[in-house]
Amino acid sequence: MRSFGVQGFNIIENVENITKYSVQITEPESIKLHLEKAIHEASSGRPGPVWLDIPFDVQASMITPEDLEGYSPEKSSTHIDHDLDNIKSIISDAQKPLVIFGQGIRNSNTINEFNHFLDLYKTPSISSRMSLDILPYEHPYYFGLGGMRGHKAPAYLLKQADLLIILGSSFTHAYAGDEYDFYNKNAQTIMVNIDSSEMNKPGLNIDYPVELDLNNFFKVMNQESDSYSIDRTDWLKKLPITSSR
């Protein structure tokens, strides 16, 4: 009786559309496989919630851990379909580029690679709310928090930039405006995100959508080349550098 009491219901049907992985454990011997798979799904790709429903009778079962089958994830492909050489050229040729970065930088463990990217392309950057602490305010290419909760300098940069490079950020209405009108509408947009749905939101028009893990993106973009000689002197000297940003 206690395995499905008076308040019990099929929770899986209620959470499967808001989780990356959800399952009810009916066989005690499968617990290791489902637990390892849940951990993998929660922490790989774009991190997200998972749900394991373990009924009372399964919880009370005796198991021998070393005899249980585990989970072995399929190896992810490292092949890159996107023309990142073209993206390199677009960024290098832009007169007033601006990087907008989000929590995806931290989730992908690419903070060092991101720093190198900024140094290599000499590009100013602004952050989303959840990535506010990734770069220090004294960083030469960081100009603070953008969006409706943001600082004055980022608002100015969004209106002046001719190219937006959106890295690991969902670029929501709270950041870009109800009608995506917080930034220069003549600016080109590059968006790199592991979740394609972020690049297909109604009203958001991305010129160069790149559905790719930031590890793979920086791996290609940070390969230095003599053919890209970048001079941002005119752009950088016009930036509003103040103590409060």
Protein backbone atom coordinates (compact mmCIF):
# COMPACT_ATOMS: atom_id res chain seq x y z
CA MET A 1 0.00 0.00 0.00
CA ARG A 2 2.81 2.41 0.85
CA SER A 3 4.33 2.11 -2.64
CA PHE A 4 1.35 4.08 -4.04
CA GLY A 5 -0.47 5.90 -1.27
CA VAL A 6 -3.53 8.15 -1.24
CA GLN A 7 -1.48 11.11 -2.48
CA GLY A 8 0.44 9.17 -5.14
CA PHE A 9 0.18 9.97 -8.83
CA ASN A 10 2.24 9.47 -11.99
CA ILE A 11 4.83 12.20 -11.49
CA ILE A 12 6.79 11.25 -14.63
CA GLU A 13 4.00 12.41 -16.96
CA ASN A 14 4.07 15.76 -15.17
CA VAL A 15 7.80 16.40 -15.28
CA GLU A 16 8.97 14.79 -18.52
CA ASN A 17 8.45 17.99 -20.53
CA ILE A 18 10.47 20.13 -18.10
CA THR A 19 13.39 17.76 -17.50
CA LYS A 20 16.23 16.43 -19.62
CA TYR A 21 15.69 12.92 -18.29
CA SER A 22 12.93 11.42 -16.14
CA VAL A 23 12.09 7.81 -15.31
CA GLN A 24 10.40 5.73 -12.62
CA ILE A 25 12.63 2.98 -11.25
CA THR A 26 10.68 -0.29 -11.26
CA GLU A 27 13.60 -2.74 -11.12
CA PRO A 28 16.05 -2.27 -8.23
CA GLU A 29 18.85 -3.76 -10.38
CA SER A 30 18.53 -0.84 -12.84
CA ILE A 31 19.24 1.88 -10.29
CA LYS A 32 22.93 2.26 -11.15
CA LEU A 33 22.24 2.63 -14.88
CA HIS A 34 19.50 5.23 -14.40
CA LEU A 35 21.38 7.13 -11.71
CA GLU A 36 24.54 7.39 -13.81
CA LYS A 37 22.52 8.37 -16.87
CA ALA A 38 20.65 11.04 -14.90
CA ILE A 39 23.92 12.54 -13.65
CA HIS A 40 25.34 12.50 -17.18
CA GLU A 41 22.26 14.18 -18.68
CA ALA A 42 22.12 16.81 -15.94
CA SER A 43 25.74 17.87 -16.38
CA SER A 44 26.42 17.39 -20.10
CA GLY A 45 25.55 19.69 -22.98
CA ARG A 46 23.32 22.45 -21.68
CA PRO A 47 22.93 21.57 -17.96
CA GLY A 48 19.38 20.96 -16.79
CA PRO A 49 17.12 19.14 -14.33
CA VAL A 50 16.50 15.39 -14.20
CA TRP A 51 14.04 13.34 -12.17
CA LEU A 52 14.21 9.82 -10.78
CA ASP A 53 11.02 8.50 -9.19
CA ILE A 54 11.94 5.68 -6.79
CA PRO A 55 8.90 3.95 -5.21
CA PHE A 56 9.07 2.91 -1.58
CA ASP A 57 9.31 -0.82 -2.27
CA VAL A 58 12.24 -0.23 -4.65
CA GLN A 59 13.94 1.99 -2.08
CA ALA A 60 13.78 -0.85 0.44
CA SER A 61 15.23 -3.47 -1.92
CA MET A 62 18.61 -5.07 -1.26
CA ILE A 63 21.17 -4.77 -4.06
CA THR A 64 24.79 -5.73 -4.69
CA PRO A 65 26.34 -2.57 -6.21
CA GLU A 66 29.29 -4.30 -7.89
CA ASP A 67 26.92 -6.57 -9.82
CA LEU A 68 24.84 -3.75 -11.29
CA GLU A 69 25.01 -2.56 -14.88
CA GLY A 70 26.21 1.02 -15.30
CA TYR A 71 25.68 3.65 -17.99
CA SER A 72 28.14 4.32 -20.80
CA PRO A 73 27.26 7.48 -22.80
CA GLU A 74 27.82 7.57 -26.52
CA LYS A 75 30.87 9.52 -27.59
CA SER A 76 29.91 12.96 -28.83
CA SER A 77 31.01 13.98 -32.29
CA THR A 78 33.83 16.51 -32.56
CA HIS A 79 33.04 17.27 -36.20
CA ILE A 80 32.26 20.93 -36.79
CA ASP A 81 29.81 21.63 -39.61
CA HIS A 82 29.85 25.42 -39.32
CA ASP A 83 32.09 27.61 -41.47
CA LEU A 84 34.03 29.17 -38.61
CA ASP A 85 36.63 30.57 -40.99
CA ASN A 86 33.87 32.82 -42.33
CA ILE A 87 32.94 33.78 -38.76
CA LYS A 88 36.60 34.64 -38.15
CA SER A 89 36.61 36.93 -41.17
CA ILE A 90 33.37 38.65 -40.14
CA ILE A 91 34.67 39.36 -36.63
CA SER A 92 38.08 40.46 -37.88
CA ASP A 93 36.62 42.83 -40.48
CA ALA A 94 34.04 44.44 -38.18
CA GLN A 95 34.75 48.04 -37.25
CA LYS A 96 32.81 48.10 -33.96
CA PRO A 97 32.22 44.56 -32.70
CA LEU A 98 30.80 43.78 -29.27
CA VAL A 99 30.78 40.47 -27.39
CA ILE A 100 27.76 39.61 -25.23
CA PHE A 101 28.53 36.64 -22.98
CA GLY A 102 26.43 34.58 -20.64
CA GLN A 103 26.40 31.69 -18.20
CA GLY A 104 27.37 29.33 -21.02
CA ILE A 105 30.98 30.48 -20.62
CA ARG A 106 31.04 29.07 -17.10
CA ASN A 107 28.97 25.98 -17.89
CA SER A 108 31.39 25.01 -20.68
CA ASN A 109 34.47 25.65 -18.50
CA THR A 110 35.91 28.00 -21.12
CA ILE A 111 36.70 31.11 -19.07
CA ASN A 112 40.41 30.95 -19.98
CA GLU A 113 39.60 30.35 -23.65
CA PHE A 114 37.16 33.26 -23.56
CA ASN A 115 39.82 35.57 -22.15
CA HIS A 116 42.18 34.53 -24.94
CA PHE A 117 39.44 35.17 -27.51
CA LEU A 118 38.96 38.73 -26.25
CA ASP A 119 42.71 39.39 -26.31
CA LEU A 120 43.09 37.91 -29.78
CA TYR A 121 40.22 39.81 -31.38
CA LYS A 122 40.59 42.95 -29.22
CA THR A 123 36.84 43.08 -28.74
CA PRO A 124 34.96 44.82 -25.91
CA SER A 125 32.42 42.71 -24.04
CA ILE A 126 29.40 43.02 -21.79
CA SER A 127 27.79 40.33 -19.64
CA SER A 128 24.39 38.92 -18.84
CA ARG A 129 23.19 38.88 -15.23
CA MET A 130 24.24 35.29 -14.51
CA SER A 131 27.76 35.86 -15.88
CA LEU A 132 28.42 39.12 -14.08
CA ASP A 133 31.36 37.72 -12.10
CA ILE A 134 33.21 35.93 -14.91
CA LEU A 135 35.46 38.91 -15.71
CA PRO A 136 36.75 41.54 -13.25
CA TYR A 137 35.71 45.15 -13.82
CA GLU A 138 39.33 46.12 -14.38
CA HIS A 139 39.55 43.76 -17.37
CA PRO A 140 40.52 45.89 -20.41
CA TYR A 141 37.77 44.39 -22.57
CA TYR A 142 34.91 44.20 -20.05
CA PHE A 143 32.38 47.02 -19.73
CA GLY A 144 29.82 45.69 -17.29
CA LEU A 145 26.30 44.29 -17.15
CA GLY A 146 23.95 44.84 -20.07
CA GLY A 147 20.18 44.71 -20.35
CA MET A 148 17.39 46.42 -18.43
CA ARG A 149 19.21 45.78 -15.11
CA GLY A 150 22.52 46.86 -16.55
CA HIS A 151 24.92 49.77 -16.58
CA LYS A 152 25.12 52.86 -18.76
CA ALA A 153 28.19 51.91 -20.78
CA PRO A 154 26.74 48.59 -22.09
CA ALA A 155 23.59 50.41 -23.25
CA TYR A 156 25.77 52.81 -25.24
CA LEU A 157 27.82 49.99 -26.73
CA LEU A 158 24.72 48.06 -27.84
CA LYS A 159 23.53 51.09 -29.81
CA GLN A 160 26.94 51.76 -31.39
CA ALA A 161 28.19 48.26 -32.27
CA ASP A 162 28.02 47.09 -35.88
CA LEU A 163 28.46 43.41 -34.94
CA LEU A 164 27.09 41.53 -31.92
CA ILE A 165 28.87 38.29 -30.98
CA ILE A 166 26.57 36.50 -28.53
CA LEU A 167 28.37 33.70 -26.69
CA GLY A 168 26.56 31.32 -24.33
CA SER A 169 23.77 33.79 -23.65
CA SER A 170 20.03 33.40 -24.31
CA PHE A 171 19.80 37.11 -25.25
CA THR A 172 16.31 37.51 -23.80
CA HIS A 173 13.84 40.40 -24.03
CA ALA A 174 15.03 41.61 -20.63
CA TYR A 175 18.46 42.01 -22.21
CA ALA A 176 17.72 43.05 -25.78
CA GLY A 177 14.38 44.86 -25.38
CA ASP A 178 10.73 43.86 -25.87
CA GLU A 179 11.08 44.37 -29.61
CA TYR A 180 14.79 43.57 -29.64
CA ASP A 181 15.33 47.32 -29.86
CA PHE A 182 18.06 47.86 -27.24
CA TYR A 183 20.75 47.41 -29.88
CA ASN A 184 21.65 48.88 -33.26
CA LYS A 185 19.20 47.30 -35.71
CA ASN A 186 21.73 47.64 -38.52
CA ALA A 187 24.22 45.49 -36.64
CA GLN A 188 24.95 41.97 -37.80
CA THR A 189 24.52 39.21 -35.22
CA ILE A 190 26.48 36.05 -34.53
CA MET A 191 25.08 33.74 -31.87
CA VAL A 192 26.90 30.68 -30.53
CA ASN A 193 24.74 28.46 -28.36
CA ILE A 194 24.48 24.76 -27.69
CA ASP A 195 20.67 25.03 -27.70
CA SER A 196 19.21 25.84 -31.13
CA SER A 197 15.89 26.96 -29.62
CA GLU A 198 17.64 30.02 -28.17
CA MET A 199 18.45 31.20 -31.68
CA ASN A 200 14.92 30.70 -33.01
CA LYS A 201 12.90 32.78 -30.57
CA PRO A 202 10.07 34.84 -32.14
CA GLY A 203 11.28 38.29 -33.14
CA LEU A 204 14.96 37.46 -32.82
CA ASN A 205 16.79 37.47 -36.15
CA ILE A 206 20.29 36.02 -35.97
CA ASP A 207 22.36 36.47 -39.12
CA TYR A 208 24.85 33.74 -38.25
CA PRO A 209 23.46 31.09 -35.84
CA VAL A 210 26.14 28.66 -34.66
CA GLU A 211 24.77 25.67 -32.75
CA LEU A 212 27.98 24.53 -31.13
CA ASP A 213 29.61 23.88 -27.78
CA LEU A 214 31.84 26.79 -26.83
CA ASN A 215 34.78 24.42 -26.35
CA ASN A 216 34.70 23.57 -30.04
CA PHE A 217 34.04 27.18 -31.01
CA PHE A 218 37.06 28.57 -29.16
CA LYS A 219 39.23 25.69 -30.31
CA VAL A 220 38.90 26.95 -33.88
CA MET A 221 38.53 30.66 -33.27
CA ASN A 222 41.58 30.92 -31.02
CA GLN A 223 43.97 29.53 -33.61
CA GLU A 224 46.11 32.56 -34.32
CA SER A 225 46.74 33.43 -37.95
CA ASP A 226 48.90 36.04 -39.61
CA SER A 227 46.08 36.69 -42.05
CA TYR A 228 44.03 38.35 -39.31
CA SER A 229 45.72 41.59 -38.37
CA ILE A 230 43.20 43.33 -36.13
CA ASP A 231 43.36 47.01 -35.20
CA ARG A 232 40.54 48.23 -32.96
CA THR A 233 42.21 51.51 -31.94
CA ASP A 234 39.48 53.80 -33.30
CA TRP A 235 36.70 51.74 -31.70
CA LEU A 236 38.36 51.21 -28.32
CA LYS A 237 39.35 54.84 -27.80
CA LYS A 238 35.69 55.90 -28.16
CA LEU A 239 34.44 53.55 -25.46
CA PRO A 240 32.96 55.09 -22.28
CA ILE A 241 35.51 54.04 -19.69
CA THR A 242 34.37 55.26 -16.26
CA SER A 243 34.87 54.04 -12.71
CA SER A 244 31.23 52.97 -12.50
CA ARG A 245 30.98 51.61 -16.09
